[in-house]
PDB file of N, CA and C in Angstrom:
ATOM      1  N   UNK A   1       0.863  -1.178   0.000  1.00  0.00           N
ATOM      2  CA  UNK A   1       0.000   0.000   0.000  1.00  0.00           C
ATOM      3  C   UNK A   1       0.900   1.229   0.000  1.00  0.00           C
ATOM      4  N   UNK A   2       0.620   2.198  -0.845  1.00  0.00           N
ATOM      5  CA  UNK A   2       1.484   3.330  -1.060  1.00  0.00           C
ATOM      6  C   UNK A   2       1.143   4.574  -0.274  1.00  0.00           C
ATOM      7  N   UNK A   3       0.863   4.462   1.018  1.00  0.00           N
ATOM      8  CA  UNK A   3       0.682   5.629   1.869  1.00  0.00           C
ATOM      9  C   UNK A   3       1.910   5.676   2.771  1.00  0.00           C
ATOM     10  N   UNK A   4       2.563   6.845   2.846  1.00  0.00           N
ATOM     11  CA  UNK A   4       3.744   6.952   3.698  1.00  0.00           C
ATOM     12  C   UNK A   4       3.612   8.152   4.624  1.00  0.00           C
ATOM     13  N   UNK A   5       4.351   8.089   5.710  1.00  0.00           N
ATOM     14  CA  UNK A   5       4.395   9.190   6.667  1.00  0.00           C
ATOM     15  C   UNK A   5       5.859   9.540   6.883  1.00  0.00           C
ATOM     16  N   UNK A   6       6.181  10.808   6.834  1.00  0.00           N
ATOM     17  CA  UNK A   6       7.560  11.231   7.039  1.00  0.00           C
ATOM     18  C   UNK A   6       7.894  11.205   8.521  1.00  0.00           C
ATOM     19  N   UNK A   7       9.179  11.261   8.813  1.00  0.00           N
ATOM     20  CA  UNK A   7       9.604  11.279  10.209  1.00  0.00           C
ATOM     21  C   UNK A   7       9.068  12.519  10.923  1.00  0.00           C
ATOM     22  N   UNK A   8       9.068  13.666  10.239  1.00  0.00           N
ATOM     23  CA  UNK A   8       8.554  14.901  10.849  1.00  0.00           C
ATOM     24  C   UNK A   8       7.074  14.776  11.184  1.00  0.00           C
ATOM     25  N   UNK A   9       6.294  14.184  10.278  1.00  0.00           N
ATOM     26  CA  UNK A   9       4.864  14.001  10.532  1.00  0.00           C
ATOM     27  C   UNK A   9       4.650  13.015  11.665  1.00  0.00           C
ATOM     28  N   UNK A  10       5.432  11.953  11.697  1.00  0.00           N
ATOM     29  CA  UNK A  10       5.294  10.958  12.763  1.00  0.00           C
ATOM     30  C   UNK A  10       5.596  11.577  14.129  1.00  0.00           C
ATOM     31  N   UNK A  11       6.630  12.412  14.202  1.00  0.00           N
ATOM     32  CA  UNK A  11       6.952  13.071  15.472  1.00  0.00           C
ATOM     33  C   UNK A  11       5.812  13.991  15.905  1.00  0.00           C
ATOM     34  N   UNK A  12       5.227  14.712  14.955  1.00  0.00           N
ATOM     35  CA  UNK A  12       4.119  15.608  15.275  1.00  0.00           C
ATOM     36  C   UNK A  12       2.902  14.817  15.781  1.00  0.00           C
ATOM     37  N   UNK A  13       2.556  13.763  15.068  1.00  0.00           N
ATOM     38  CA  UNK A  13       1.404  12.947  15.465  1.00  0.00           C
ATOM     39  C   UNK A  13       1.657  12.309  16.826  1.00  0.00           C
ATOM     40  N   UNK A  14       2.854  11.779  17.042  1.00  0.00           N
ATOM     41  CA  UNK A  14       3.182  11.162  18.330  1.00  0.00           C
ATOM     42  C   UNK A  14       3.058  12.185  19.457  1.00  0.00           C
ATOM     43  N   UNK A  15       3.498  13.400  19.210  1.00  0.00           N
ATOM     44  CA  UNK A  15       3.386  14.464  20.207  1.00  0.00           C
ATOM     45  C   UNK A  15       1.926  14.780  20.521  1.00  0.00           C
ATOM     46  N   UNK A  16       1.091  14.823  19.479  1.00  0.00           N
ATOM     47  CA  UNK A  16      -0.335  15.089  19.683  1.00  0.00           C
ATOM     48  C   UNK A  16      -1.005  13.957  20.454  1.00  0.00           C
ATOM     49  N   UNK A  17      -0.626  12.729  20.152  1.00  0.00           N
ATOM     50  CA  UNK A  17      -1.186  11.583  20.868  1.00  0.00           C
ATOM     51  C   UNK A  17      -0.741  11.603  22.330  1.00  0.00           C
ATOM     52  N   UNK A  18       0.525  11.953  22.574  1.00  0.00           N
ATOM     53  CA  UNK A  18       1.021  12.057  23.955  1.00  0.00           C
ATOM     54  C   UNK A  18       0.259  13.131  24.721  1.00  0.00           C
ATOM     55  N   UNK A  19       0.045  14.287  24.087  1.00  0.00           N
ATOM     56  CA  UNK A  19      -0.688  15.386  24.728  1.00  0.00           C
ATOM     57  C   UNK A  19      -2.119  14.978  25.038  1.00  0.00           C
ATOM     58  N   UNK A  20      -2.688  14.200  24.141  1.00  0.00           N
ATOM     59  CA  UNK A  20      -4.062  13.735  24.304  1.00  0.00           C
ATOM     60  C   UNK A  20      -4.174  12.683  25.407  1.00  0.00           C
ATOM     61  N   UNK A  21      -3.106  11.925  25.585  1.00  0.00           N
ATOM     62  CA  UNK A  21      -3.088  10.920  26.642  1.00  0.00           C
ATOM     63  C   UNK A  21      -3.633   9.564  26.249  1.00  0.00           C
ATOM     64  N   UNK A  22      -4.064   9.410  25.026  1.00  0.00           N
ATOM     65  CA  UNK A  22      -4.562   8.115  24.552  1.00  0.00           C
ATOM     66  C   UNK A  22      -4.619   8.130  23.034  1.00  0.00           C
ATOM     67  N   UNK A  23      -4.822   6.953  22.464  1.00  0.00           N
ATOM     68  CA  UNK A  23      -4.972   6.845  21.018  1.00  0.00           C
ATOM     69  C   UNK A  23      -3.988   5.870  20.411  1.00  0.00           C
ATOM     70  N   UNK A  24      -4.456   5.156  19.387  1.00  0.00           N
ATOM     71  CA  UNK A  24      -3.628   4.197  18.661  1.00  0.00           C
ATOM     72  C   UNK A  24      -2.888   4.856  17.501  1.00  0.00           C
ATOM     73  N   UNK A  25      -3.411   5.965  17.003  1.00  0.00           N
ATOM     74  CA  UNK A  25      -2.842   6.638  15.841  1.00  0.00           C
ATOM     75  C   UNK A  25      -3.852   7.616  15.285  1.00  0.00           C
ATOM     76  N   UNK A  26      -3.754   7.868  13.979  1.00  0.00           N
ATOM     77  CA  UNK A  26      -4.704   8.761  13.312  1.00  0.00           C
ATOM     78  C   UNK A  26      -5.335   8.053  12.123  1.00  0.00           C
ATOM     79  N   UNK A  27      -6.543   8.475  11.793  1.00  0.00           N
ATOM     80  CA  UNK A  27      -7.246   7.954  10.618  1.00  0.00           C
ATOM     81  C   UNK A  27      -7.194   9.019   9.534  1.00  0.00           C
ATOM     82  N   UNK A  28      -6.819   8.586   8.338  1.00  0.00           N
ATOM     83  CA  UNK A  28      -6.772   9.458   7.174  1.00  0.00           C
ATOM     84  C   UNK A  28      -7.823   8.984   6.187  1.00  0.00           C
ATOM     85  N   UNK A  29      -8.648   9.917   5.746  1.00  0.00           N
ATOM     86  CA  UNK A  29      -9.679   9.599   4.768  1.00  0.00           C
ATOM     87  C   UNK A  29     -10.001  10.808   3.931  1.00  0.00           C
ATOM     88  N   UNK A  30     -10.967  10.647   3.056  1.00  0.00           N
ATOM     89  CA  UNK A  30     -11.456  11.752   2.240  1.00  0.00           C
ATOM     90  C   UNK A  30     -12.972  11.800   2.340  1.00  0.00           C
ATOM     91  N   UNK A  31     -13.506  12.978   2.114  1.00  0.00           N
ATOM     92  CA  UNK A  31     -14.952  13.169   2.106  1.00  0.00           C
ATOM     93  C   UNK A  31     -15.282  14.151   0.995  1.00  0.00           C
ATOM     94  N   UNK A  32     -16.524  14.129   0.527  1.00  0.00           N
ATOM     95  CA  UNK A  32     -16.928  15.115  -0.461  1.00  0.00           C
ATOM     96  C   UNK A  32     -17.158  16.434   0.258  1.00  0.00           C
ATOM     97  N   UNK A  33     -16.496  17.470  -0.249  1.00  0.00           N
ATOM     98  CA  UNK A  33     -16.554  18.757   0.417  1.00  0.00           C
ATOM     99  C   UNK A  33     -15.855  19.810  -0.424  1.00  0.00           C
ATOM    100  N   UNK A  34     -16.105  21.054  -0.106  1.00  0.00           N
ATOM    101  CA  UNK A  34     -15.372  22.155  -0.703  1.00  0.00           C
ATOM    102  C   UNK A  34     -15.726  22.418  -2.152  1.00  0.00           C
ATOM    103  N   UNK A  35     -15.061  23.404  -2.694  1.00  0.00           N
ATOM    104  CA  UNK A  35     -15.375  23.835  -4.054  1.00  0.00           C
ATOM    105  C   UNK A  35     -14.762  22.928  -5.123  1.00  0.00           C
ATOM    106  N   UNK A  36     -13.761  22.107  -4.759  1.00  0.00           N
ATOM    107  CA  UNK A  36     -13.156  21.210  -5.741  1.00  0.00           C
ATOM    108  C   UNK A  36     -13.685  19.787  -5.650  1.00  0.00           C
ATOM    109  N   UNK A  37     -14.464  19.489  -4.622  1.00  0.00           N
ATOM    110  CA  UNK A  37     -15.131  18.193  -4.565  1.00  0.00           C
ATOM    111  C   UNK A  37     -14.738  17.263  -3.448  1.00  0.00           C
ATOM    112  N   UNK A  38     -13.458  17.255  -3.023  1.00  0.00           N
ATOM    113  CA  UNK A  38     -13.024  16.330  -1.989  1.00  0.00           C
ATOM    114  C   UNK A  38     -12.130  17.051  -0.996  1.00  0.00           C
ATOM    115  N   UNK A  39     -12.141  16.570   0.249  1.00  0.00           N
ATOM    116  CA  UNK A  39     -11.287  17.131   1.295  1.00  0.00           C
ATOM    117  C   UNK A  39     -10.744  15.997   2.152  1.00  0.00           C
ATOM    118  N   UNK A  40      -9.562  16.218   2.708  1.00  0.00           N
ATOM    119  CA  UNK A  40      -8.963  15.240   3.609  1.00  0.00           C
ATOM    120  C   UNK A  40      -9.640  15.312   4.971  1.00  0.00           C
ATOM    121  N   UNK A  41      -9.714  14.155   5.615  1.00  0.00           N
ATOM    122  CA  UNK A  41     -10.271  14.060   6.964  1.00  0.00           C
ATOM    123  C   UNK A  41      -9.228  13.356   7.827  1.00  0.00           C
ATOM    124  N   UNK A  42      -8.903  13.967   8.948  1.00  0.00           N
ATOM    125  CA  UNK A  42      -7.991  13.374   9.933  1.00  0.00           C
ATOM    126  C   UNK A  42      -8.700  13.311  11.270  1.00  0.00           C
ATOM    127  N   UNK A  43      -8.547  12.187  11.969  1.00  0.00           N
ATOM    128  CA  UNK A  43      -9.112  12.068  13.305  1.00  0.00           C
ATOM    129  C   UNK A  43      -8.270  11.091  14.117  1.00  0.00           C
ATOM    130  N   UNK A  44      -8.309  11.250  15.417  1.00  0.00           N
ATOM    131  CA  UNK A  44      -7.611  10.321  16.290  1.00  0.00           C
ATOM    132  C   UNK A  44      -8.347   8.990  16.295  1.00  0.00           C
ATOM    133  N   UNK A  45      -7.590   7.909  16.455  1.00  0.00           N
ATOM    134  CA  UNK A  45      -8.161   6.567  16.508  1.00  0.00           C
ATOM    135  C   UNK A  45      -7.910   5.981  17.889  1.00  0.00           C
ATOM    136  N   UNK A  46      -9.003   5.623  18.557  1.00  0.00           N
ATOM    137  CA  UNK A  46      -8.898   4.961  19.852  1.00  0.00           C
ATOM    138  C   UNK A  46      -9.134   3.458  19.730  1.00  0.00           C
ATOM    139  N   UNK A  47      -9.895   3.062  18.708  1.00  0.00           N
ATOM    140  CA  UNK A  47     -10.143   1.646  18.437  1.00  0.00           C
ATOM    141  C   UNK A  47     -10.077   1.403  16.943  1.00  0.00           C
ATOM    142  N   UNK A  48      -9.396   0.351  16.550  1.00  0.00           N
ATOM    143  CA  UNK A  48      -9.294   0.014  15.141  1.00  0.00           C
ATOM    144  C   UNK A  48     -10.605  -0.604  14.658  1.00  0.00           C
ATOM    145  N   UNK A  49     -11.105  -0.103  13.522  1.00  0.00           N
ATOM    146  CA  UNK A  49     -12.290  -0.693  12.899  1.00  0.00           C
ATOM    147  C   UNK A  49     -11.855  -1.936  12.116  1.00  0.00           C
ATOM    148  N   UNK A  50     -12.709  -2.940  12.014  1.00  0.00           N
ATOM    149  CA  UNK A  50     -12.334  -4.183  11.321  1.00  0.00           C
ATOM    150  C   UNK A  50     -11.888  -3.949   9.872  1.00  0.00           C
ATOM    151  N   UNK A  51     -12.458  -2.953   9.218  1.00  0.00           N
ATOM    152  CA  UNK A  51     -12.135  -2.711   7.814  1.00  0.00           C
ATOM    153  C   UNK A  51     -10.927  -1.803   7.600  1.00  0.00           C
ATOM    154  N   UNK A  52     -10.377  -1.237   8.674  1.00  0.00           N
ATOM    155  CA  UNK A  52      -9.237  -0.326   8.548  1.00  0.00           C
ATOM    156  C   UNK A  52      -8.025  -1.007   7.932  1.00  0.00           C
ATOM    157  N   UNK A  53      -7.367  -0.282   7.039  1.00  0.00           N
ATOM    158  CA  UNK A  53      -6.047  -0.661   6.562  1.00  0.00           C
ATOM    159  C   UNK A  53      -5.068   0.134   7.421  1.00  0.00           C
ATOM    160  N   UNK A  54      -3.956  -0.473   7.804  1.00  0.00           N
ATOM    161  CA  UNK A  54      -3.028   0.188   8.721  1.00  0.00           C
ATOM    162  C   UNK A  54      -1.645   0.277   8.088  1.00  0.00           C
ATOM    163  N   UNK A  55      -1.094   1.480   8.132  1.00  0.00           N
ATOM    164  CA  UNK A  55       0.267   1.740   7.687  1.00  0.00           C
ATOM    165  C   UNK A  55       1.013   2.284   8.887  1.00  0.00           C
ATOM    166  N   UNK A  56       2.239   1.823   9.084  1.00  0.00           N
ATOM    167  CA  UNK A  56       3.023   2.318  10.211  1.00  0.00           C
ATOM    168  C   UNK A  56       4.334   2.888   9.710  1.00  0.00           C
ATOM    169  N   UNK A  57       4.696   4.035  10.247  1.00  0.00           N
ATOM    170  CA  UNK A  57       5.961   4.658   9.908  1.00  0.00           C
ATOM    171  C   UNK A  57       6.522   5.389  11.102  1.00  0.00           C
ATOM    172  N   UNK A  58       7.781   5.136  11.427  1.00  0.00           N
ATOM    173  CA  UNK A  58       8.456   5.801  12.539  1.00  0.00           C
ATOM    174  C   UNK A  58       7.673   5.643  13.844  1.00  0.00           C
ATOM    175  N   UNK A  59       7.040   4.474  14.022  1.00  0.00           N
ATOM    176  CA  UNK A  59       6.337   4.176  15.258  1.00  0.00           C
ATOM    177  C   UNK A  59       4.930   4.732  15.364  1.00  0.00           C
ATOM    178  N   UNK A  60       4.427   5.362  14.303  1.00  0.00           N
ATOM    179  CA  UNK A  60       3.079   5.935  14.308  1.00  0.00           C
ATOM    180  C   UNK A  60       2.207   5.171  13.319  1.00  0.00           C
ATOM    181  N   UNK A  61       0.988   4.860  13.736  1.00  0.00           N
ATOM    182  CA  UNK A  61       0.051   4.142  12.878  1.00  0.00           C
ATOM    183  C   UNK A  61      -0.917   5.113  12.210  1.00  0.00           C
ATOM    184  N   UNK A  62      -1.115   4.896  10.903  1.00  0.00           N
ATOM    185  CA  UNK A  62      -2.101   5.648  10.130  1.00  0.00           C
ATOM    186  C   UNK A  62      -3.141   4.636   9.663  1.00  0.00           C
ATOM    187  N   UNK A  63      -4.395   4.867  10.059  1.00  0.00           N
ATOM    188  CA  UNK A  63      -5.509   3.993   9.714  1.00  0.00           C
ATOM    189  C   UNK A  63      -6.228   4.599   8.512  1.00  0.00           C
ATOM    190  N   UNK A  64      -6.546   3.752   7.533  1.00  0.00           N
ATOM    191  CA  UNK A  64      -7.156   4.244   6.299  1.00  0.00           C
ATOM    192  C   UNK A  64      -8.424   3.465   6.012  1.00  0.00           C
ATOM    193  N   UNK A  65      -9.490   4.205   5.759  1.00  0.00           N
ATOM    194  CA  UNK A  65     -10.748   3.608   5.325  1.00  0.00           C
ATOM    195  C   UNK A  65     -10.533   3.077   3.903  1.00  0.00           C
ATOM    196  N   UNK A  66     -10.829   1.799   3.646  1.00  0.00           N
ATOM    197  CA  UNK A  66     -10.600   1.236   2.313  1.00  0.00           C
ATOM    198  C   UNK A  66     -11.291   2.011   1.183  1.00  0.00           C
ATOM    199  N   UNK A  67     -12.426   2.641   1.469  1.00  0.00           N
ATOM    200  CA  UNK A  67     -13.126   3.405   0.435  1.00  0.00           C
ATOM    201  C   UNK A  67     -12.341   4.653   0.035  1.00  0.00           C
ATOM    202  N   UNK A  68     -11.513   5.151   0.935  1.00  0.00           N
ATOM    203  CA  UNK A  68     -10.707   6.340   0.646  1.00  0.00           C
ATOM    204  C   UNK A  68      -9.394   5.993  -0.055  1.00  0.00           C
ATOM    205  N   UNK A  69      -8.964   4.735   0.034  1.00  0.00           N
ATOM    206  CA  UNK A  69      -7.658   4.349  -0.480  1.00  0.00           C
ATOM    207  C   UNK A  69      -7.476   4.689  -1.954  1.00  0.00           C
ATOM    208  N   UNK A  70      -8.506   4.532  -2.753  1.00  0.00           N
ATOM    209  CA  UNK A  70      -8.386   4.813  -4.185  1.00  0.00           C
ATOM    210  C   UNK A  70      -7.967   6.264  -4.433  1.00  0.00           C
ATOM    211  N   UNK A  71      -8.344   7.173  -3.553  1.00  0.00           N
ATOM    212  CA  UNK A  71      -7.997   8.590  -3.684  1.00  0.00           C
ATOM    213  C   UNK A  71      -6.675   8.935  -2.998  1.00  0.00           C
ATOM    214  N   UNK A  72      -6.207   8.037  -2.136  1.00  0.00           N
ATOM    215  CA  UNK A  72      -5.024   8.310  -1.324  1.00  0.00           C
ATOM    216  C   UNK A  72      -3.786   7.530  -1.742  1.00  0.00           C
ATOM    217  N   UNK A  73      -3.922   6.562  -2.618  1.00  0.00           N
ATOM    218  CA  UNK A  73      -2.801   5.721  -3.027  1.00  0.00           C
ATOM    219  C   UNK A  73      -1.623   6.588  -3.474  1.00  0.00           C
ATOM    220  N   UNK A  74      -0.468   6.366  -2.862  1.00  0.00           N
ATOM    221  CA  UNK A  74       0.735   7.118  -3.206  1.00  0.00           C
ATOM    222  C   UNK A  74       0.940   8.392  -2.395  1.00  0.00           C
ATOM    223  N   UNK A  75       0.020   8.703  -1.498  1.00  0.00           N
ATOM    224  CA  UNK A  75       0.101   9.940  -0.718  1.00  0.00           C
ATOM    225  C   UNK A  75       1.186   9.860   0.346  1.00  0.00           C
ATOM    226  N   UNK A  76       1.907  10.965   0.499  1.00  0.00           N
ATOM    227  CA  UNK A  76       2.871  11.115   1.581  1.00  0.00           C
ATOM    228  C   UNK A  76       2.318  12.148   2.554  1.00  0.00           C
ATOM    229  N   UNK A  77       2.271  11.781   3.821  1.00  0.00           N
ATOM    230  CA  UNK A  77       1.830  12.678   4.879  1.00  0.00           C
ATOM    231  C   UNK A  77       3.076  13.283   5.511  1.00  0.00           C
ATOM    232  N   UNK A  78       3.172  14.614   5.503  1.00  0.00           N
ATOM    233  CA  UNK A  78       4.352  15.308   6.009  1.00  0.00           C
ATOM    234  C   UNK A  78       3.924  16.397   6.984  1.00  0.00           C
ATOM    235  N   UNK A  79       4.858  16.876   7.770  1.00  0.00           N
ATOM    236  CA  UNK A  79       4.635  18.009   8.653  1.00  0.00           C
ATOM    237  C   UNK A  79       5.534  19.131   8.166  1.00  0.00           C
ATOM    238  N   UNK A  80       4.930  20.291   7.853  1.00  0.00           N
ATOM    239  CA  UNK A  80       5.701  21.395   7.283  1.00  0.00           C
ATOM    240  C   UNK A  80       5.496  22.675   8.076  1.00  0.00           C
ATOM    241  N   UNK A  81       6.520  23.520   8.015  1.00  0.00           N
ATOM    242  CA  UNK A  81       6.458  24.857   8.608  1.00  0.00           C
ATOM    243  C   UNK A  81       6.742  25.852   7.494  1.00  0.00           C
ATOM    244  N   UNK A  82       5.856  26.825   7.354  1.00  0.00           N
ATOM    245  CA  UNK A  82       6.032  27.891   6.370  1.00  0.00           C
ATOM    246  C   UNK A  82       5.757  29.210   7.085  1.00  0.00           C
ATOM    247  N   UNK A  83       6.826  29.936   7.395  1.00  0.00           N
ATOM    248  CA  UNK A  83       6.656  31.170   8.148  1.00  0.00           C
ATOM    249  C   UNK A  83       6.110  30.865   9.520  1.00  0.00           C
ATOM    250  N   UNK A  84       4.999  31.504   9.864  1.00  0.00           N
ATOM    251  CA  UNK A  84       4.375  31.284  11.166  1.00  0.00           C
ATOM    252  C   UNK A  84       3.397  30.111  11.152  1.00  0.00           C
ATOM    253  N   UNK A  85       3.137  29.552   9.978  1.00  0.00           N
ATOM    254  CA  UNK A  85       2.176  28.456   9.854  1.00  0.00           C
ATOM    255  C   UNK A  85       2.884  27.108   9.892  1.00  0.00           C
ATOM    256  N   UNK A  86       2.223  26.146  10.488  1.00  0.00           N
ATOM    257  CA  UNK A  86       2.722  24.781  10.501  1.00  0.00           C
ATOM    258  C   UNK A  86       1.547  23.825  10.509  1.00  0.00           C
ATOM    259  N   UNK A  87       1.761  22.641   9.956  1.00  0.00           N
ATOM    260  CA  UNK A  87       0.691  21.655   9.956  1.00  0.00           C
ATOM    261  C   UNK A  87       1.018  20.476   9.069  1.00  0.00           C
ATOM    262  N   UNK A  88       0.108  19.526   9.046  1.00  0.00           N
ATOM    263  CA  UNK A  88       0.267  18.351   8.208  1.00  0.00           C
ATOM    264  C   UNK A  88      -0.039  18.711   6.763  1.00  0.00           C
ATOM    265  N   UNK A  89       0.771  18.177   5.868  1.00  0.00           N
ATOM    266  CA  UNK A  89       0.608  18.421   4.434  1.00  0.00           C
ATOM    267  C   UNK A  89       0.466  17.081   3.731  1.00  0.00           C
ATOM    268  N   UNK A  90      -0.322  17.080   2.682  1.00  0.00           N
ATOM    269  CA  UNK A  90      -0.585  15.867   1.917  1.00  0.00           C
ATOM    270  C   UNK A  90       0.039  16.022   0.536  1.00  0.00           C
ATOM    271  N   UNK A  91       0.951  15.129   0.199  1.00  0.00           N
ATOM    272  CA  UNK A  91       1.531  15.107  -1.147  1.00  0.00           C
ATOM    273  C   UNK A  91       0.886  13.916  -1.861  1.00  0.00           C
ATOM    274  N   UNK A  92      -0.175  14.230  -2.600  1.00  0.00           N
ATOM    275  CA  UNK A  92      -1.011  13.206  -3.212  1.00  0.00           C
ATOM    276  C   UNK A  92      -0.853  13.258  -4.729  1.00  0.00           C
ATOM    277  N   UNK A  93      -0.260  12.231  -5.330  1.00  0.00           N
ATOM    278  CA  UNK A  93      -0.045  12.236  -6.776  1.00  0.00           C
ATOM    279  C   UNK A  93      -1.336  12.098  -7.592  1.00  0.00           C
ATOM    280  N   UNK A  94      -2.434  11.771  -6.947  1.00  0.00           N
ATOM    281  CA  UNK A  94      -3.709  11.596  -7.640  1.00  0.00           C
ATOM    282  C   UNK A  94      -4.451  12.907  -7.861  1.00  0.00           C
ATOM    283  N   UNK A  95      -4.032  13.975  -7.191  1.00  0.00           N
ATOM    284  CA  UNK A  95      -4.723  15.263  -7.273  1.00  0.00           C
ATOM    285  C   UNK A  95      -4.473  15.895  -8.632  1.00  0.00           C
ATOM    286  N   UNK A  96      -5.570  16.252  -9.303  1.00  0.00           N
ATOM    287  CA  UNK A  96      -5.445  16.918 -10.603  1.00  0.00           C
ATOM    288  C   UNK A  96      -5.663  18.419 -10.490  1.00  0.00           C
ATOM    289  N   UNK A  97      -6.340  18.864  -9.427  1.00  0.00           N
ATOM    290  CA  UNK A  97      -6.571  20.296  -9.207  1.00  0.00           C
ATOM    291  C   UNK A  97      -6.915  20.525  -7.745  1.00  0.00           C
ATOM    292  N   UNK A  98      -6.599  21.728  -7.260  1.00  0.00           N
ATOM    293  CA  UNK A  98      -6.949  22.130  -5.900  1.00  0.00           C
ATOM    294  C   UNK A  98      -7.653  23.468  -5.960  1.00  0.00           C
ATOM    295  N   UNK A  99      -8.492  23.719  -4.969  1.00  0.00           N
ATOM    296  CA  UNK A  99      -9.159  25.013  -4.923  1.00  0.00           C
ATOM    297  C   UNK A  99      -8.151  26.076  -4.481  1.00  0.00           C
ATOM    298  N   UNK A 100      -8.473  27.312  -4.648  1.00  0.00           N
ATOM    299  CA  UNK A 100      -7.584  28.411  -4.312  1.00  0.00           C
ATOM    300  C   UNK A 100      -7.185  28.467  -2.863  1.00  0.00           C
ATOM    301  N   UNK A 101      -8.074  28.078  -1.965  1.00  0.00           N
ATOM    302  CA  UNK A 101      -7.757  28.146  -0.533  1.00  0.00           C
ATOM    303  C   UNK A 101      -7.006  26.905  -0.072  1.00  0.00           C
ATOM    304  N   UNK A 102      -6.899  25.870  -0.912  1.00  0.00           N
ATOM    305  CA  UNK A 102      -6.161  24.678  -0.562  1.00  0.00           C
ATOM    306  C   UNK A 102      -6.901  23.702   0.323  1.00  0.00           C
ATOM    307  N   UNK A 103      -8.179  23.930   0.552  1.00  0.00           N
ATOM    308  CA  UNK A 103      -8.945  23.065   1.446  1.00  0.00           C
ATOM    309  C   UNK A 103      -9.561  21.841   0.742  1.00  0.00           C
ATOM    310  N   UNK A 104      -9.687  21.889  -0.566  1.00  0.00           N
ATOM    311  CA  UNK A 104     -10.296  20.759  -1.265  1.00  0.00           C
ATOM    312  C   UNK A 104      -9.540  20.482  -2.561  1.00  0.00           C
ATOM    313  N   UNK A 105      -9.806  19.305  -3.120  1.00  0.00           N
ATOM    314  CA  UNK A 105      -9.074  18.880  -4.307  1.00  0.00           C
ATOM    315  C   UNK A 105      -9.954  18.033  -5.212  1.00  0.00           C
ATOM    316  N   UNK A 106      -9.460  17.821  -6.428  1.00  0.00           N
ATOM    317  CA  UNK A 106     -10.111  16.982  -7.431  1.00  0.00           C
ATOM    318  C   UNK A 106      -9.121  15.904  -7.858  1.00  0.00           C
ATOM    319  N   UNK A 107      -9.634  14.690  -8.068  1.00  0.00           N
ATOM    320  CA  UNK A 107      -8.762  13.621  -8.583  1.00  0.00           C
ATOM    321  C   UNK A 107      -9.209  13.243  -9.985  1.00  0.00           C
TER     322      UNK A 107
END
């Protein structure tokens, strides 16, 4: 399965899980939303769903809904800092266009 997490993203997620005090990892998915049609969804995972696909990198687990995998195949999850802004970034080779605000995408 071609979903990867960088070391920087894994450290960030691990820090968030530590601050939260619980959790197995994060769930990455997509939903229909925004002006371009699709948006990423991230949430903490406390229990693994039977249908979850699991990818692990640098000690952090990323749970993926199989229905979202077709849109996420090949995606790299990274943590980036740009000026005063920082956050998780998605490098998804399936994206053909993004909206101007960067909140949604088209595949």
